[in-house]
């Protein structure tokens, strides 16, 4: 079928909205008409070459939500007309997937970044040329996405569908890191480095978890103010305060947990130094893959548990509905992070994300039945 898609044709270039051909669904695939798609830092990192992706041109976008318009012969999870959110790809066959931990999938990188189906076939074409797609199993910067049944999550009809795409990646990454991975005890302390969409989602989740001290660290006063409104008990401006000294003043001996959501090497090192002996550090930010960390051996001798966390250790089929329920209860107002853009404004959205003018840009697609 012909669809409209935002193509990336050159590294660091603007997206170009063009007509491409999308494959018909195989037995275990569904076609989703995209209502909206969040724009994530990972999209920009791939665009700019920080994260490798197959040859150009390609279709990015991996926080899609929409309505199922076609299903393969073996699909049982959803039906035509169902509203869905799309999440990351996992193989479903490795030990991690079989153990119910798809975010730790042994094949996570090829499943999400190969640009093809697992068998190497291409899902997008234009004028006979192959277009790399399958980004995070979806490539949702488009009017329609082709997705394995495994990666779609049926969502309620009574929540605005255009809000729900970011739950599939950035927002579940921040919230899941708190609720699924760190699991801080009520009354404990958490410091969050970076008050973007991921970090602010972690702040909201820490409030849900009952943390007594929730410390947000950033360099933008507006984001720090929003962090306060979303549950942070303290907001530290990294360029105006001695962050490590303030964290120790607040917590006594260092935070119980730290969430690093910037990918800036100096901040990564700071997050490791911010926790008490035996504390936990979750590394979420994506920066240059070859960037050295400004650490010394002594920084690693405190007994801190340091781990890179992918997708918040989430199981999307259960965690996305949980986040929606928290939203309904007024405990997880993630809609306050979102700024909407029309599909034709995708490059403006990317610019606003890079400059910090938008926390979570969401691209709304024109609907065929509008």
Protein backbone atom coordinates (compact mmCIF):
# COMPACT_ATOMS: atom_id res chain seq x y z
CA UNK A 1 0.00 0.00 0.00
CA UNK A 2 1.08 3.60 -0.56
CA UNK A 3 1.79 5.54 2.60
CA UNK A 4 3.28 8.89 3.55
CA UNK A 5 6.56 8.63 5.44
CA UNK A 6 9.24 11.00 6.70
CA UNK A 7 12.42 9.83 4.96
CA UNK A 8 15.93 10.55 6.15
CA UNK A 9 18.07 10.66 3.02
CA UNK A 10 21.32 12.17 4.35
CA UNK A 11 23.01 12.12 7.75
CA UNK A 12 22.03 15.09 9.94
CA UNK A 13 19.61 16.24 7.23
CA UNK A 14 15.99 17.32 7.40
CA UNK A 15 13.25 14.72 7.11
CA UNK A 16 11.43 14.65 3.77
CA UNK A 17 7.78 13.56 3.64
CA UNK A 18 7.33 11.31 0.60
CA UNK A 19 5.17 8.51 -0.73
CA UNK A 20 6.57 5.00 -0.19
CA UNK A 21 5.15 1.51 -0.50
CA UNK A 22 4.53 -0.59 2.61
CA UNK A 23 4.35 -4.39 2.49
CA UNK A 24 1.13 -6.25 3.20
CA UNK A 25 1.15 -7.89 6.64
CA UNK A 26 2.57 -11.37 7.02
CA UNK A 27 0.79 -13.91 9.22
CA UNK A 28 2.08 -12.45 12.51
CA UNK A 29 2.00 -8.77 11.50
CA UNK A 30 -0.51 -5.94 11.70
CA UNK A 31 -0.84 -2.64 9.85
CA UNK A 32 -1.52 0.34 12.09
CA UNK A 33 -2.76 3.70 10.87
CA UNK A 34 -0.66 6.05 12.95
CA UNK A 35 -2.51 8.75 14.87
CA UNK A 36 0.59 10.23 16.50
CA UNK A 37 4.24 9.41 17.15
CA UNK A 38 6.55 10.77 19.80
CA UNK A 39 9.93 12.12 18.75
CA UNK A 40 12.66 10.66 20.94
CA UNK A 41 16.31 11.53 21.49
CA UNK A 42 17.14 8.14 19.96
CA UNK A 43 15.58 9.23 16.65
CA UNK A 44 17.89 12.26 16.60
CA UNK A 45 20.91 10.17 17.64
CA UNK A 46 20.33 7.85 14.67
CA UNK A 47 19.72 10.81 12.36
CA UNK A 48 23.03 12.33 13.40
CA UNK A 49 25.02 9.09 13.34
CA UNK A 50 25.62 8.85 17.11
CA UNK A 51 23.82 5.51 17.01
CA UNK A 52 24.59 3.43 13.89
CA UNK A 53 21.68 2.42 11.64
CA UNK A 54 21.64 0.74 8.22
CA UNK A 55 22.16 2.58 4.97
CA UNK A 56 20.03 5.55 4.00
CA UNK A 57 17.32 6.30 3.12
CA UNK A 58 15.33 5.13 6.11
CA UNK A 59 12.15 5.74 8.08
CA UNK A 60 12.56 6.39 11.81
CA UNK A 61 10.00 6.92 14.57
CA UNK A 62 9.41 4.47 17.39
CA UNK A 63 6.75 5.89 19.73
CA UNK A 64 3.69 5.31 17.59
CA UNK A 65 0.03 5.00 18.53
CA UNK A 66 -2.86 4.38 16.20
CA UNK A 67 -5.64 2.11 14.99
CA UNK A 68 -5.26 -1.38 13.55
CA UNK A 69 -6.41 -1.42 9.91
CA UNK A 70 -5.22 -4.88 8.79
CA UNK A 71 -4.09 -8.09 10.46
CA UNK A 72 -2.22 -11.18 9.34
CA UNK A 73 -3.84 -14.59 9.29
CA UNK A 74 -2.31 -15.74 12.60
CA UNK A 75 -2.95 -12.57 14.62
CA UNK A 76 -5.14 -13.08 17.69
CA UNK A 77 -4.01 -10.32 20.04
CA UNK A 78 -5.77 -7.44 18.26
CA UNK A 79 -8.45 -6.92 15.63
CA UNK A 80 -9.16 -4.31 12.97
CA UNK A 81 -10.39 -1.16 14.68
CA UNK A 82 -8.50 -1.66 17.95
CA UNK A 83 -6.56 1.32 19.34
CA UNK A 84 -2.96 0.39 20.08
CA UNK A 85 0.34 1.74 21.30
CA UNK A 86 3.52 0.39 19.70
CA UNK A 87 6.63 -0.52 21.66
CA UNK A 88 10.13 -1.85 21.13
CA UNK A 89 10.94 -5.03 19.24
CA UNK A 90 12.16 -8.27 20.81
CA UNK A 91 12.74 -11.64 19.23
CA UNK A 92 10.45 -13.70 21.47
CA UNK A 93 12.68 -16.76 21.27
CA UNK A 94 15.86 -16.07 23.27
CA UNK A 95 16.26 -17.01 26.96
CA UNK A 96 15.53 -13.44 28.09
CA UNK A 97 12.30 -13.24 26.08
CA UNK A 98 11.22 -16.70 27.21
CA UNK A 99 11.84 -15.59 30.79
CA UNK A 100 9.44 -12.68 30.30
CA UNK A 101 12.09 -9.93 30.15
CA UNK A 102 11.88 -8.66 26.55
CA UNK A 103 13.83 -5.47 27.29
CA UNK A 104 16.86 -7.71 27.91
CA UNK A 105 16.35 -9.58 24.62
CA UNK A 106 19.59 -11.17 23.36
CA UNK A 107 18.70 -9.86 19.90
CA UNK A 108 17.60 -6.37 20.97
CA UNK A 109 20.07 -4.50 18.75
CA UNK A 110 19.34 -6.32 15.47
CA UNK A 111 15.60 -6.44 16.23
CA UNK A 112 15.43 -2.66 16.69
CA UNK A 113 18.27 -1.28 14.59
CA UNK A 114 18.80 -3.64 11.63
CA UNK A 115 16.28 -1.84 9.43
CA UNK A 116 14.79 -5.12 8.22
CA UNK A 117 12.73 -8.03 9.41
CA UNK A 118 14.64 -10.78 11.20
CA UNK A 119 14.91 -12.73 7.92
CA UNK A 120 16.54 -9.73 6.23
CA UNK A 121 13.54 -8.77 4.09
CA UNK A 122 12.64 -5.12 3.55
CA UNK A 123 9.20 -3.74 4.47
CA UNK A 124 9.40 -0.35 2.68
CA UNK A 125 10.11 0.42 -0.97
CA UNK A 126 10.05 3.42 -3.30
CA UNK A 127 10.31 3.23 -7.09
CA UNK A 128 11.74 -0.26 -6.77
CA UNK A 129 14.39 0.85 -4.25
CA UNK A 130 14.56 -0.66 -0.79
CA UNK A 131 13.96 1.77 2.08
CA UNK A 132 15.24 0.76 5.51
CA UNK A 133 12.41 0.57 8.03
CA UNK A 134 11.43 -1.68 10.93
CA UNK A 135 12.97 0.91 13.27
CA UNK A 136 12.19 -0.45 16.73
CA UNK A 137 9.96 -2.83 14.83
CA UNK A 138 7.67 -0.05 13.61
CA UNK A 139 9.07 3.06 11.77
CA UNK A 140 6.20 5.26 12.89
CA UNK A 141 7.19 8.58 11.31
CA UNK A 142 4.59 7.65 8.74
CA UNK A 143 0.88 7.48 8.08
CA UNK A 144 1.00 3.69 8.58
CA UNK A 145 3.32 1.22 10.26
CA UNK A 146 3.82 -2.52 9.80
CA UNK A 147 4.39 -4.18 13.16
CA UNK A 148 4.64 -7.71 14.52
CA UNK A 149 1.71 -8.65 16.70
CA UNK A 150 4.20 -9.11 19.54
CA UNK A 151 4.99 -5.38 19.64
CA UNK A 152 1.49 -3.88 19.76
CA UNK A 153 -0.35 -3.13 23.00
CA UNK A 154 -4.11 -2.76 22.97
CA UNK A 155 -5.14 0.37 24.86
CA UNK A 156 -8.47 1.70 26.19
CA UNK A 157 -10.82 3.70 23.99
CA UNK A 158 -11.43 6.36 26.65
CA UNK A 159 -7.89 7.80 26.79
CA UNK A 160 -6.76 10.17 23.98
CA UNK A 161 -4.85 7.94 21.57
CA UNK A 162 -2.61 10.78 20.42
CA UNK A 163 -1.08 10.91 23.92
CA UNK A 164 -0.11 7.27 24.22
CA UNK A 165 2.75 6.72 21.77
CA UNK A 166 5.52 7.99 24.09
CA UNK A 167 4.49 5.38 26.64
CA UNK A 168 6.09 2.83 24.31
CA UNK A 169 9.64 4.12 24.78
CA UNK A 170 10.78 7.32 26.49
CA UNK A 171 8.16 7.56 29.18
CA UNK A 172 8.19 3.87 30.02
CA UNK A 173 11.99 4.03 30.13
CA UNK A 174 11.99 6.66 32.88
CA UNK A 175 9.04 5.33 34.84
CA UNK A 176 10.01 1.69 34.39
CA UNK A 177 13.54 2.30 35.61
CA UNK A 178 12.05 3.40 38.91
CA UNK A 179 9.13 1.00 39.24
CA UNK A 180 10.53 -2.12 37.53
CA UNK A 181 14.28 -1.92 38.06
CA UNK A 182 15.32 0.26 41.01
CA UNK A 183 12.15 -0.36 43.04
CA UNK A 184 13.03 2.18 45.74
CA UNK A 185 11.49 1.66 49.16
CA UNK A 186 8.95 4.17 50.48
CA UNK A 187 10.83 6.88 52.34
CA UNK A 188 14.04 6.40 50.34
CA UNK A 189 15.90 8.97 48.24
CA UNK A 190 16.29 9.22 44.46
CA UNK A 191 18.27 11.71 42.39
CA UNK A 192 17.42 12.16 38.71
CA UNK A 193 20.01 13.74 36.42
CA UNK A 194 18.28 15.33 33.42
CA UNK A 195 14.74 16.70 33.53
CA UNK A 196 13.69 15.77 30.00
CA UNK A 197 10.87 13.37 29.18
CA UNK A 198 12.74 10.34 30.54
CA UNK A 199 13.93 12.06 33.70
CA UNK A 200 10.59 13.69 34.48
CA UNK A 201 8.88 10.33 33.99
CA UNK A 202 11.28 8.94 36.59
CA UNK A 203 10.39 11.82 38.93
CA UNK A 204 6.68 11.05 38.63
CA UNK A 205 7.31 7.35 39.18
CA UNK A 206 9.44 8.07 42.26
CA UNK A 207 6.50 10.01 43.67
CA UNK A 208 4.23 7.02 43.01
CA UNK A 209 6.78 4.80 44.78
CA UNK A 210 6.59 6.99 47.88
CA UNK A 211 10.18 8.27 47.89
CA UNK A 212 10.77 10.89 50.58
CA UNK A 213 13.52 12.79 48.74
CA UNK A 214 13.21 13.18 44.96
CA UNK A 215 16.03 15.36 43.65
CA UNK A 216 15.92 16.64 40.07
CA UNK A 217 19.11 18.01 38.48
CA UNK A 218 19.13 20.03 35.26
CA UNK A 219 20.36 23.31 33.77
CA UNK A 220 17.00 24.70 32.59
CA UNK A 221 15.01 26.56 35.25
CA UNK A 222 11.68 25.88 33.53
CA UNK A 223 12.28 22.15 33.58
CA UNK A 224 13.35 22.26 37.21
CA UNK A 225 10.16 24.15 38.06
CA UNK A 226 8.10 21.52 36.24
CA UNK A 227 9.96 18.77 38.08
CA UNK A 228 8.83 20.37 41.34
CA UNK A 229 5.24 20.41 40.12
CA UNK A 230 5.48 16.73 39.14
CA UNK A 231 6.76 15.53 42.50
CA UNK A 232 10.40 16.51 42.97
CA UNK A 233 11.13 17.62 46.53
CA UNK A 234 14.33 19.38 45.48
CA UNK A 235 15.46 20.91 42.17
CA UNK A 236 19.17 21.63 41.66
CA UNK A 237 20.59 23.84 38.93
CA UNK A 238 23.76 22.04 37.86
CA UNK A 239 25.56 25.22 36.79
CA UNK A 240 24.72 27.23 39.89
CA UNK A 241 25.10 24.72 42.73
CA UNK A 242 27.58 22.14 43.95
CA UNK A 243 25.31 19.24 43.06
CA UNK A 244 27.15 16.48 44.93
CA UNK A 245 27.45 18.56 48.09
CA UNK A 246 23.74 19.46 47.96
CA UNK A 247 22.74 15.81 47.43
CA UNK A 248 24.71 14.81 50.51
CA UNK A 249 23.22 17.69 52.48
CA UNK A 250 19.73 16.50 51.54
CA UNK A 251 20.25 12.76 51.98
CA UNK A 252 22.96 12.56 54.62
CA UNK A 253 25.29 10.06 52.96
CA UNK A 254 24.25 10.13 49.32
CA UNK A 255 21.11 9.06 47.50
CA UNK A 256 19.77 5.53 47.69
CA UNK A 257 19.27 5.54 43.90
CA UNK A 258 20.38 7.65 40.96
CA UNK A 259 18.92 7.85 37.47
CA UNK A 260 21.21 9.27 34.77
CA UNK A 261 19.21 10.46 31.77
CA UNK A 262 21.59 12.77 29.89
CA UNK A 263 24.34 10.59 28.39
CA UNK A 264 26.86 13.38 29.12
CA UNK A 265 30.07 11.71 30.37
CA UNK A 266 30.66 14.21 33.17
CA UNK A 267 27.09 13.77 34.39
CA UNK A 268 27.36 9.98 34.21
CA UNK A 269 30.40 10.19 36.48
CA UNK A 270 28.56 12.56 38.79
CA UNK A 271 25.62 10.18 39.07
CA UNK A 272 27.94 7.37 40.16
CA UNK A 273 29.45 9.63 42.84
CA UNK A 274 26.04 10.80 44.07
CA UNK A 275 24.85 7.58 45.74
CA UNK A 276 25.60 6.22 49.19
CA UNK A 277 27.71 3.11 49.71
CA UNK A 278 25.79 0.22 48.18
CA UNK A 279 23.40 2.55 46.34
CA UNK A 280 22.01 1.88 42.88
CA UNK A 281 22.79 3.79 39.67
CA UNK A 282 20.71 3.36 36.52
CA UNK A 283 22.29 4.65 33.31
CA UNK A 284 19.71 5.62 30.66
CA UNK A 285 21.21 8.48 28.66
CA UNK A 286 22.62 7.92 25.18
CA UNK A 287 25.71 9.83 24.15
CA UNK A 288 28.71 9.15 21.94
CA UNK A 289 29.40 5.45 22.06
CA UNK A 290 33.18 6.02 22.27
CA UNK A 291 33.08 8.77 24.89
CA UNK A 292 35.43 8.15 27.84
CA UNK A 293 34.10 8.56 31.38
CA UNK A 294 35.96 10.91 33.74
CA UNK A 295 36.18 8.39 36.58
CA UNK A 296 38.92 7.02 38.79
CA UNK A 297 39.05 3.54 40.25
CA UNK A 298 38.09 4.89 43.65
CA UNK A 299 34.72 5.97 42.28
CA UNK A 300 33.86 2.32 41.75
CA UNK A 301 34.88 1.06 45.19
CA UNK A 302 31.82 2.27 47.07
CA UNK A 303 29.87 -0.90 46.40
CA UNK A 304 27.39 0.95 44.19
CA UNK A 305 25.42 -1.21 41.78
CA UNK A 306 25.73 0.38 38.33
CA UNK A 307 23.70 -0.84 35.40
CA UNK A 308 22.57 0.38 32.02
CA UNK A 309 18.80 -0.02 31.87
CA UNK A 310 16.99 -0.47 28.55
CA UNK A 311 13.31 0.47 28.15
CA UNK A 312 12.89 0.57 31.92
CA UNK A 313 13.06 -3.24 32.11
CA UNK A 314 9.43 -3.04 31.02
CA UNK A 315 7.05 -5.65 29.70
CA UNK A 316 4.95 -3.32 27.51
CA UNK A 317 1.81 -5.49 27.52
CA UNK A 318 1.49 -5.01 31.28
CA UNK A 319 3.41 -1.82 32.00
CA UNK A 320 1.77 0.48 29.44
CA UNK A 321 -1.73 -0.32 30.78
CA UNK A 322 -0.37 0.26 34.30
CA UNK A 323 0.92 3.71 33.33
CA UNK A 324 -2.43 4.53 31.70
CA UNK A 325 -4.19 3.61 34.94
CA UNK A 326 -1.84 5.83 36.95
CA UNK A 327 -2.66 8.62 34.48
CA UNK A 328 -6.39 8.08 34.95
CA UNK A 329 -5.88 8.32 38.71
CA UNK A 330 -4.08 11.65 38.33
CA UNK A 331 -0.83 10.18 39.67
CA UNK A 332 1.13 10.20 36.41
CA UNK A 333 0.29 13.37 34.43
CA UNK A 334 2.65 12.62 31.55
CA UNK A 335 0.49 14.71 29.24
CA UNK A 336 2.15 17.78 30.77
CA UNK A 337 5.38 16.81 28.99
CA UNK A 338 3.84 16.71 25.52
CA UNK A 339 3.83 19.37 22.81
CA UNK A 340 2.01 18.53 19.57
CA UNK A 341 3.18 19.19 16.00
CA UNK A 342 1.59 18.43 12.65
CA UNK A 343 3.36 15.90 10.43
CA UNK A 344 4.51 18.71 8.13
CA UNK A 345 6.23 20.29 11.15
CA UNK A 346 8.43 17.28 11.93
CA UNK A 347 11.67 19.20 11.36
CA UNK A 348 10.46 22.01 13.61
CA UNK A 349 9.70 19.40 16.25
CA UNK A 350 13.20 17.98 15.92
CA UNK A 351 14.72 21.44 16.27
CA UNK A 352 12.64 22.19 19.35
CA UNK A 353 13.68 18.89 20.92
CA UNK A 354 17.37 19.63 20.28
CA UNK A 355 17.19 23.15 21.69
CA UNK A 356 15.12 22.17 24.71
CA UNK A 357 12.06 24.16 23.67
CA UNK A 358 9.95 20.99 23.75
CA UNK A 359 10.23 18.24 26.34
CA UNK A 360 8.36 15.56 24.42
CA UNK A 361 7.36 16.51 20.86
CA UNK A 362 4.54 14.38 19.47
CA UNK A 363 3.86 14.35 15.74
CA UNK A 364 0.17 14.11 14.77
CA UNK A 365 -0.56 12.42 11.47
CA UNK A 366 -3.34 13.40 9.07
CA UNK A 367 -6.09 10.79 9.31
CA UNK A 368 -7.48 9.15 6.16
CA UNK A 369 -10.99 9.33 7.59
CA UNK A 370 -10.68 12.90 8.84
